[in-house]
């Protein structure tokens, strides 16, 4: 019979232990590594058993589009790590964001969201939802009065990411959650930059948490994935049927890769975060760097808030290179160790120029409103030796 690792009390175990053991289900063969179930569907002993399974009277799997043993292990491990009642995996991070919104919205509803968001998230809110009669109001996420003023009787969702992409702005999650709940709305938090290790949105009042598992959770440039975490009631009332009928399904193979990524997540985040803090300090000492943003530096505009709701400053640092776009491009092209990419949360250090990539579709005025100048670059710090990264940055700045 299959055996399952069930912690006697998850609160007594450290996250590193849950990352290795949480949610593991073993087949009768007793394998050490989680089994990979590459199957589309499942068979039943008889027609009666099949009917009971489809009615939900008999627990088990029906079709891998909306449930698979490997995927279920990834979902349960994520739920244990985040302190959620339930989790559902998706094919990508944007599939998770989209599902968390669309599964509960209808024509006539209203969303309030922080304006500082990943470009694709802004597109869903500003371009996609209005096609179906859902309005969105964007606000300065750090202005609590703006959240209150934007709420309407038909407001169903508050949405934010913190730290924000790419300016690492910190939003008071607990305060926004309180405002949302007072309005009868739910708060969705995109927790990608903080990772489930450095920030616990559910403890701060969030109702739904989403991740691009492509980032730190895989963290090694191998596959795409996403996950939505919430109460079991939210899954039952909204999310499960939406995922089942629309099919933004994760491949069981990708779910298995993400399971293996979780085993080393703590080690990777700890190392990358330490290096990111070192690089932020080194960047601040460089005359050709006009501004450095790192949540745990004392000069960050929301440093006190960051330390209150996060346990670490994270693996990313954002800074402004002198000379605008030309200066940023000269710097990027001179790097030898750090690579140019639009990804983040990887074992390799990656540099992004948001104004021409992730946020290029916005007008210069909109980018300025979000704090994205032509000289701003986002550095996702990897696992290389920090001295090598500092040396690479110093030599590349000579080209500016």
Protein backbone atom coordinates (compact mmCIF):
# COMPACT_ATOMS: atom_id res chain seq x y z
CA UNK A 1 0.00 0.00 0.00
CA UNK A 2 1.20 3.52 -0.76
CA UNK A 3 2.71 5.38 2.19
CA UNK A 4 2.63 9.11 2.76
CA UNK A 5 4.86 11.49 4.71
CA UNK A 6 2.41 13.30 7.00
CA UNK A 7 4.06 15.60 9.53
CA UNK A 8 2.54 15.12 13.00
CA UNK A 9 2.32 18.90 13.18
CA UNK A 10 3.75 20.94 10.29
CA UNK A 11 4.30 23.88 12.62
CA UNK A 12 6.94 21.85 14.49
CA UNK A 13 9.03 21.33 11.34
CA UNK A 14 11.29 23.84 9.69
CA UNK A 15 10.59 24.83 6.06
CA UNK A 16 13.75 23.04 4.92
CA UNK A 17 12.29 19.75 6.17
CA UNK A 18 8.95 20.32 4.51
CA UNK A 19 10.75 21.19 1.26
CA UNK A 20 12.29 17.73 1.21
CA UNK A 21 9.51 15.55 2.61
CA UNK A 22 6.21 17.41 2.47
CA UNK A 23 3.39 15.86 0.48
CA UNK A 24 5.38 12.81 -0.62
CA UNK A 25 3.26 9.80 -1.60
CA UNK A 26 5.08 6.53 -2.25
CA UNK A 27 3.91 3.69 -4.45
CA UNK A 28 4.05 0.07 -3.21
CA UNK A 29 7.62 -0.02 -4.53
CA UNK A 30 8.80 2.37 -1.81
CA UNK A 31 10.87 4.60 -4.09
CA UNK A 32 13.11 7.27 -2.52
CA UNK A 33 12.46 9.96 -5.13
CA UNK A 34 8.90 10.97 -5.89
CA UNK A 35 7.37 8.88 -8.66
CA UNK A 36 6.69 10.49 -12.02
CA UNK A 37 3.25 9.50 -13.30
CA UNK A 38 3.31 10.24 -17.02
CA UNK A 39 -0.27 9.33 -17.78
CA UNK A 40 -3.17 11.15 -19.37
CA UNK A 41 -5.95 9.17 -17.74
CA UNK A 42 -6.77 6.40 -15.30
CA UNK A 43 -8.67 3.10 -15.41
CA UNK A 44 -11.28 1.70 -13.03
CA UNK A 45 -12.09 -1.79 -11.76
CA UNK A 46 -15.67 -1.53 -12.97
CA UNK A 47 -18.25 0.92 -14.34
CA UNK A 48 -19.67 1.53 -10.87
CA UNK A 49 -16.26 2.65 -9.59
CA UNK A 50 -15.89 4.97 -12.58
CA UNK A 51 -19.29 6.54 -11.89
CA UNK A 52 -18.43 7.05 -8.21
CA UNK A 53 -15.11 8.67 -9.13
CA UNK A 54 -16.77 11.12 -11.50
CA UNK A 55 -19.43 11.98 -8.91
CA UNK A 56 -16.70 12.68 -6.36
CA UNK A 57 -17.99 9.94 -4.09
CA UNK A 58 -14.77 7.92 -4.46
CA UNK A 59 -11.49 9.82 -3.98
CA UNK A 60 -8.94 9.42 -6.72
CA UNK A 61 -7.80 10.68 -10.08
CA UNK A 62 -9.86 10.86 -13.24
CA UNK A 63 -7.84 12.76 -15.85
CA UNK A 64 -4.46 14.49 -15.67
CA UNK A 65 -5.90 17.73 -16.99
CA UNK A 66 -7.25 18.35 -13.52
CA UNK A 67 -5.47 15.94 -11.24
CA UNK A 68 -2.41 13.68 -11.26
CA UNK A 69 -0.48 11.95 -8.44
CA UNK A 70 2.80 13.76 -9.23
CA UNK A 71 1.07 17.11 -9.55
CA UNK A 72 -0.78 16.48 -6.29
CA UNK A 73 2.51 15.97 -4.45
CA UNK A 74 3.81 19.30 -5.71
CA UNK A 75 0.56 21.01 -4.71
CA UNK A 76 0.55 19.56 -1.21
CA UNK A 77 4.19 20.45 -0.61
CA UNK A 78 3.53 24.03 -1.68
CA UNK A 79 0.47 24.21 0.58
CA UNK A 80 2.47 22.98 3.56
CA UNK A 81 5.25 25.46 2.84
CA UNK A 82 2.93 28.45 2.49
CA UNK A 83 0.51 27.53 5.24
CA UNK A 84 -2.42 27.18 2.84
CA UNK A 85 -5.30 24.74 3.01
CA UNK A 86 -5.07 23.91 -0.68
CA UNK A 87 -3.03 24.49 -3.83
CA UNK A 88 -3.55 23.93 -7.52
CA UNK A 89 -0.71 23.87 -10.04
CA UNK A 90 -0.86 25.45 -13.50
CA UNK A 91 1.21 25.42 -16.66
CA UNK A 92 2.87 28.78 -15.97
CA UNK A 93 2.90 31.67 -13.53
CA UNK A 94 0.66 33.77 -15.76
CA UNK A 95 -1.81 30.88 -15.99
CA UNK A 96 -1.93 30.97 -12.18
CA UNK A 97 -2.53 34.73 -12.11
CA UNK A 98 -5.20 34.51 -14.80
CA UNK A 99 -6.97 31.59 -13.12
CA UNK A 100 -6.96 33.25 -9.70
CA UNK A 101 -8.79 36.24 -11.23
CA UNK A 102 -11.10 34.76 -13.84
CA UNK A 103 -12.34 31.89 -11.70
CA UNK A 104 -14.25 34.34 -9.49
CA UNK A 105 -15.01 37.36 -11.69
CA UNK A 106 -18.01 38.12 -13.87
CA UNK A 107 -19.25 41.05 -15.96
CA UNK A 108 -19.97 44.04 -13.75
CA UNK A 109 -17.30 43.24 -11.16
CA UNK A 110 -14.46 45.58 -10.23
CA UNK A 111 -10.80 44.99 -9.32
CA UNK A 112 -8.42 47.30 -7.48
CA UNK A 113 -4.73 46.65 -8.14
CA UNK A 114 -1.37 48.23 -7.44
CA UNK A 115 -0.04 49.95 -10.56
CA UNK A 116 3.48 48.59 -10.07
CA UNK A 117 3.11 45.13 -11.59
CA UNK A 118 4.74 42.75 -14.05
CA UNK A 119 3.80 43.79 -17.58
CA UNK A 120 1.69 40.70 -18.32
CA UNK A 121 -0.28 41.15 -15.10
CA UNK A 122 -1.05 44.74 -16.08
CA UNK A 123 -2.19 43.51 -19.51
CA UNK A 124 -4.70 41.10 -17.96
CA UNK A 125 -6.07 43.83 -15.70
CA UNK A 126 -6.08 46.71 -18.20
CA UNK A 127 -6.70 45.01 -21.56
CA UNK A 128 -8.13 41.54 -21.04
CA UNK A 129 -10.64 41.82 -18.19
CA UNK A 130 -12.44 44.87 -19.66
CA UNK A 131 -13.32 42.77 -22.75
CA UNK A 132 -15.59 40.78 -20.45
CA UNK A 133 -17.10 43.68 -18.56
CA UNK A 134 -14.72 43.73 -15.58
CA UNK A 135 -13.23 47.10 -14.66
CA UNK A 136 -9.88 47.69 -12.94
CA UNK A 137 -8.65 50.68 -10.99
CA UNK A 138 -4.88 51.00 -10.60
CA UNK A 139 -3.51 52.75 -7.53
CA UNK A 140 -0.21 53.68 -5.94
CA UNK A 141 0.28 50.53 -3.91
CA UNK A 142 2.11 52.30 -1.09
CA UNK A 143 -0.77 54.77 -0.57
CA UNK A 144 -3.29 53.09 1.73
CA UNK A 145 -5.77 55.92 1.29
CA UNK A 146 -5.70 55.28 -2.46
CA UNK A 147 -6.76 51.64 -1.90
CA UNK A 148 -9.65 52.80 0.27
CA UNK A 149 -10.75 55.48 -2.18
CA UNK A 150 -10.69 53.11 -5.16
CA UNK A 151 -13.00 50.49 -3.61
CA UNK A 152 -16.59 50.30 -4.87
CA UNK A 153 -19.63 48.27 -3.83
CA UNK A 154 -18.90 45.89 -6.74
CA UNK A 155 -15.18 45.50 -5.93
CA UNK A 156 -14.45 41.79 -5.67
CA UNK A 157 -10.65 41.58 -5.72
CA UNK A 158 -7.61 43.53 -4.54
CA UNK A 159 -4.43 42.45 -6.34
CA UNK A 160 -0.78 43.24 -5.65
CA UNK A 161 2.77 41.98 -5.79
CA UNK A 162 5.34 42.78 -3.14
CA UNK A 163 8.19 43.32 -3.67
CA UNK A 164 7.11 44.69 -7.03
CA UNK A 165 8.60 43.93 -10.42
CA UNK A 166 11.03 45.52 -11.20
CA UNK A 167 11.38 48.41 -8.73
CA UNK A 168 11.21 46.31 -5.53
CA UNK A 169 8.55 48.55 -4.04
CA UNK A 170 7.17 47.13 -0.78
CA UNK A 171 3.42 47.20 -0.17
CA UNK A 172 1.88 46.77 3.29
CA UNK A 173 0.13 43.44 2.72
CA UNK A 174 -1.64 43.34 6.09
CA UNK A 175 -3.00 46.87 5.76
CA UNK A 176 -4.27 46.25 2.23
CA UNK A 177 -5.82 42.95 3.35
CA UNK A 178 -7.70 44.77 6.10
CA UNK A 179 -8.99 47.34 3.61
CA UNK A 180 -10.06 44.63 1.16
CA UNK A 181 -11.89 42.62 3.80
CA UNK A 182 -13.67 45.72 5.08
CA UNK A 183 -15.01 46.13 1.53
CA UNK A 184 -16.01 42.48 1.26
CA UNK A 185 -13.26 41.79 -1.28
CA UNK A 186 -10.52 39.16 -1.44
CA UNK A 187 -6.81 39.96 -1.61
CA UNK A 188 -4.61 38.13 -4.12
CA UNK A 189 -0.85 38.44 -3.58
CA UNK A 190 1.77 37.59 -6.19
CA UNK A 191 4.61 36.43 -3.92
CA UNK A 192 7.18 35.54 -6.59
CA UNK A 193 9.94 37.95 -5.62
CA UNK A 194 9.78 37.19 -1.89
CA UNK A 195 9.44 33.41 -2.39
CA UNK A 196 7.46 31.33 0.13
CA UNK A 197 10.52 31.32 2.38
CA UNK A 198 10.88 35.07 2.92
CA UNK A 199 7.27 36.21 3.14
CA UNK A 200 4.06 34.51 4.31
CA UNK A 201 1.14 36.42 2.77
CA UNK A 202 -1.50 34.23 4.44
CA UNK A 203 -0.16 35.23 7.84
CA UNK A 204 -0.55 38.86 6.71
CA UNK A 205 -4.18 38.39 5.70
CA UNK A 206 -4.02 37.40 2.03
CA UNK A 207 -6.81 35.17 0.73
CA UNK A 208 -5.06 33.84 -2.38
CA UNK A 209 -1.34 33.59 -3.19
CA UNK A 210 0.09 32.98 -6.66
CA UNK A 211 3.56 32.02 -7.88
CA UNK A 212 5.41 31.61 -11.09
CA UNK A 213 7.13 28.36 -10.13
CA UNK A 214 9.31 28.92 -13.20
CA UNK A 215 11.33 31.31 -11.06
CA UNK A 216 12.92 30.35 -7.72
CA UNK A 217 10.96 27.11 -7.28
CA UNK A 218 12.50 25.54 -10.36
CA UNK A 219 15.28 28.11 -10.30
CA UNK A 220 17.47 26.28 -12.78
CA UNK A 221 16.07 27.33 -16.14
CA UNK A 222 14.40 24.02 -16.93
CA UNK A 223 10.63 24.34 -17.12
CA UNK A 224 7.53 26.47 -16.70
CA UNK A 225 4.98 26.18 -13.92
CA UNK A 226 2.65 28.10 -11.65
CA UNK A 227 0.59 27.55 -8.54
CA UNK A 228 -2.46 29.09 -6.85
CA UNK A 229 -2.80 28.68 -3.07
CA UNK A 230 -5.94 29.41 -1.08
CA UNK A 231 -8.53 28.03 1.29
CA UNK A 232 -10.19 24.74 0.37
CA UNK A 233 -13.48 26.61 0.06
CA UNK A 234 -12.01 28.92 -2.62
CA UNK A 235 -10.82 25.88 -4.56
CA UNK A 236 -14.19 24.16 -4.24
CA UNK A 237 -16.33 27.21 -4.99
CA UNK A 238 -14.26 28.81 -7.73
CA UNK A 239 -10.90 27.43 -8.79
CA UNK A 240 -11.29 23.68 -9.30
CA UNK A 241 -14.13 23.88 -11.81
CA UNK A 242 -12.40 26.70 -13.72
CA UNK A 243 -9.18 24.68 -14.04
CA UNK A 244 -11.06 21.52 -14.94
CA UNK A 245 -13.06 23.14 -17.71
CA UNK A 246 -10.47 25.54 -19.18
CA UNK A 247 -7.36 23.34 -18.91
CA UNK A 248 -4.31 25.48 -17.98
CA UNK A 249 -2.77 22.21 -16.82
CA UNK A 250 0.79 21.61 -15.74
CA UNK A 251 2.62 18.66 -17.23
CA UNK A 252 3.28 15.90 -14.66
CA UNK A 253 6.90 16.00 -15.76
CA UNK A 254 7.15 19.71 -14.97
CA UNK A 255 5.46 19.11 -11.62
CA UNK A 256 8.12 16.48 -10.88
CA UNK A 257 10.92 18.86 -11.84
CA UNK A 258 9.43 21.49 -9.54
CA UNK A 259 9.22 18.97 -6.70
CA UNK A 260 12.94 18.32 -7.06
CA UNK A 261 13.56 22.08 -7.24
CA UNK A 262 11.79 22.58 -3.93
CA UNK A 263 14.29 20.28 -2.20
CA UNK A 264 17.08 22.81 -2.71
CA UNK A 265 15.01 26.00 -2.61
CA UNK A 266 16.14 26.95 0.89
CA UNK A 267 19.82 26.57 0.08
CA UNK A 268 19.53 28.47 -3.19
CA UNK A 269 17.52 31.36 -1.80
CA UNK A 270 19.84 31.72 1.20
CA UNK A 271 22.94 31.86 -0.99
CA UNK A 272 21.44 34.15 -3.63
CA UNK A 273 20.00 36.48 -1.02
CA UNK A 274 23.34 36.80 0.75
CA UNK A 275 25.03 37.63 -2.54
CA UNK A 276 22.28 40.09 -3.51
CA UNK A 277 22.84 42.07 -0.30
CA UNK A 278 26.59 42.11 -0.99
CA UNK A 279 26.08 43.29 -4.57
CA UNK A 280 23.62 45.99 -3.51
CA UNK A 281 26.22 47.44 -1.16
CA UNK A 282 28.92 47.24 -3.83
CA UNK A 283 26.67 48.95 -6.39
CA UNK A 284 25.89 51.78 -3.97
CA UNK A 285 29.61 52.59 -3.81
CA UNK A 286 29.95 52.91 -7.60
CA UNK A 287 29.85 56.51 -8.93
CA UNK A 288 28.28 55.45 -12.23
CA UNK A 289 25.31 53.94 -10.39
CA UNK A 290 22.78 56.66 -9.63
CA UNK A 291 20.42 54.68 -7.40
CA UNK A 292 20.21 51.26 -5.74
CA UNK A 293 17.03 49.57 -4.56
CA UNK A 294 17.28 46.57 -2.23
CA UNK A 295 14.53 45.98 0.37
CA UNK A 296 16.81 45.45 3.39
CA UNK A 297 19.14 48.38 2.71
CA UNK A 298 18.53 51.28 5.07
CA UNK A 299 18.10 53.67 2.13
CA UNK A 300 15.20 51.74 0.62
CA UNK A 301 12.01 53.88 0.85
CA UNK A 302 10.10 51.08 2.62
CA UNK A 303 13.00 49.43 4.46
CA UNK A 304 11.18 49.35 7.81
CA UNK A 305 8.09 47.77 6.26
CA UNK A 306 10.21 45.25 4.37
CA UNK A 307 11.83 44.11 7.61
CA UNK A 308 8.45 43.91 9.29
CA UNK A 309 6.78 41.62 6.77
CA UNK A 310 9.75 39.80 5.22
CA UNK A 311 12.47 37.68 6.81
CA UNK A 312 15.07 38.60 4.18
CA UNK A 313 15.75 41.15 1.47
CA UNK A 314 15.41 38.71 -1.40
CA UNK A 315 17.50 37.65 -4.35
CA UNK A 316 17.03 40.71 -6.59
CA UNK A 317 18.56 44.16 -6.66
CA UNK A 318 17.47 46.99 -8.93
CA UNK A 319 19.67 49.93 -9.81
CA UNK A 320 19.93 52.88 -12.18
CA UNK A 321 22.98 53.17 -14.41
CA UNK A 322 24.05 56.65 -15.52
CA UNK A 323 23.53 57.57 -19.15
CA UNK A 324 19.96 56.33 -19.60
CA UNK A 325 19.27 53.55 -22.08
CA UNK A 326 22.67 53.93 -23.77
CA UNK A 327 24.47 53.65 -20.45
CA UNK A 328 22.38 50.64 -19.39
CA UNK A 329 23.04 48.89 -22.71
CA UNK A 330 26.78 49.60 -22.55
CA UNK A 331 26.86 48.15 -19.07
CA UNK A 332 24.81 45.06 -19.99
CA UNK A 333 26.86 44.34 -23.10
CA UNK A 334 30.12 44.54 -21.14
CA UNK A 335 29.13 41.89 -18.59
CA UNK A 336 31.05 38.63 -18.83
CA UNK A 337 29.61 36.44 -16.04
CA UNK A 338 26.14 37.89 -15.59
CA UNK A 339 23.91 37.11 -18.56
CA UNK A 340 21.20 39.21 -20.23
CA UNK A 341 17.75 37.64 -19.87
CA UNK A 342 14.15 38.46 -19.01
CA UNK A 343 13.96 35.62 -16.46
CA UNK A 344 14.73 35.73 -12.74
CA UNK A 345 15.16 33.50 -9.71
CA UNK A 346 17.69 31.32 -11.53
CA UNK A 347 20.93 29.70 -10.38
CA UNK A 348 22.62 31.95 -12.95
CA UNK A 349 22.76 35.70 -12.36
CA UNK A 350 20.58 37.45 -14.93
CA UNK A 351 20.26 41.11 -15.91
CA UNK A 352 17.07 42.62 -17.35
CA UNK A 353 16.43 46.05 -18.86
CA UNK A 354 12.70 46.40 -18.07
CA UNK A 355 12.03 49.47 -20.25
CA UNK A 356 12.83 47.48 -23.41
CA UNK A 357 11.63 44.02 -22.31
CA UNK A 358 9.11 43.21 -19.58
CA UNK A 359 7.58 46.71 -19.57
CA UNK A 360 8.34 47.86 -23.13
CA UNK A 361 4.68 48.04 -24.19
CA UNK A 362 3.96 50.88 -21.75
CA UNK A 363 4.30 54.53 -22.67
CA UNK A 364 7.28 56.43 -21.25
CA UNK A 365 4.82 58.26 -18.99
CA UNK A 366 3.38 55.02 -17.62
CA UNK A 367 6.87 53.61 -17.03
CA UNK A 368 7.87 56.78 -15.23
CA UNK A 369 4.78 56.46 -13.03
CA UNK A 370 5.97 52.97 -12.08
CA UNK A 371 9.50 54.22 -11.42
CA UNK A 372 11.00 52.52 -14.48
CA UNK A 373 13.56 54.84 -16.08
CA UNK A 374 15.62 54.10 -19.20
CA UNK A 375 18.70 53.57 -17.04
CA UNK A 376 17.05 51.14 -14.63
CA UNK A 377 18.17 47.51 -14.68
CA UNK A 378 17.02 44.52 -12.62
CA UNK A 379 19.61 42.06 -11.38
CA UNK A 380 18.50 38.57 -10.36
CA UNK A 381 21.39 37.20 -8.33
CA UNK A 382 22.36 33.56 -8.76
CA UNK A 383 24.69 31.08 -7.11
CA UNK A 384 28.04 32.25 -8.45
CA UNK A 385 30.68 33.42 -5.98
CA UNK A 386 29.76 36.98 -4.95
CA UNK A 387 33.33 38.21 -5.51
CA UNK A 388 33.11 37.16 -9.15
CA UNK A 389 29.80 38.98 -9.54
CA UNK A 390 31.16 42.16 -7.95
CA UNK A 391 34.21 42.03 -10.20
CA UNK A 392 32.01 41.57 -13.25
CA UNK A 393 29.86 44.55 -12.35
CA UNK A 394 32.85 46.79 -11.62
CA UNK A 395 34.54 46.01 -14.94
CA UNK A 396 31.28 46.41 -16.89
CA UNK A 397 30.61 49.82 -15.37
CA UNK A 398 33.83 51.05 -16.98
CA UNK A 399 32.04 50.86 -20.32
CA UNK A 400 29.38 53.36 -19.20
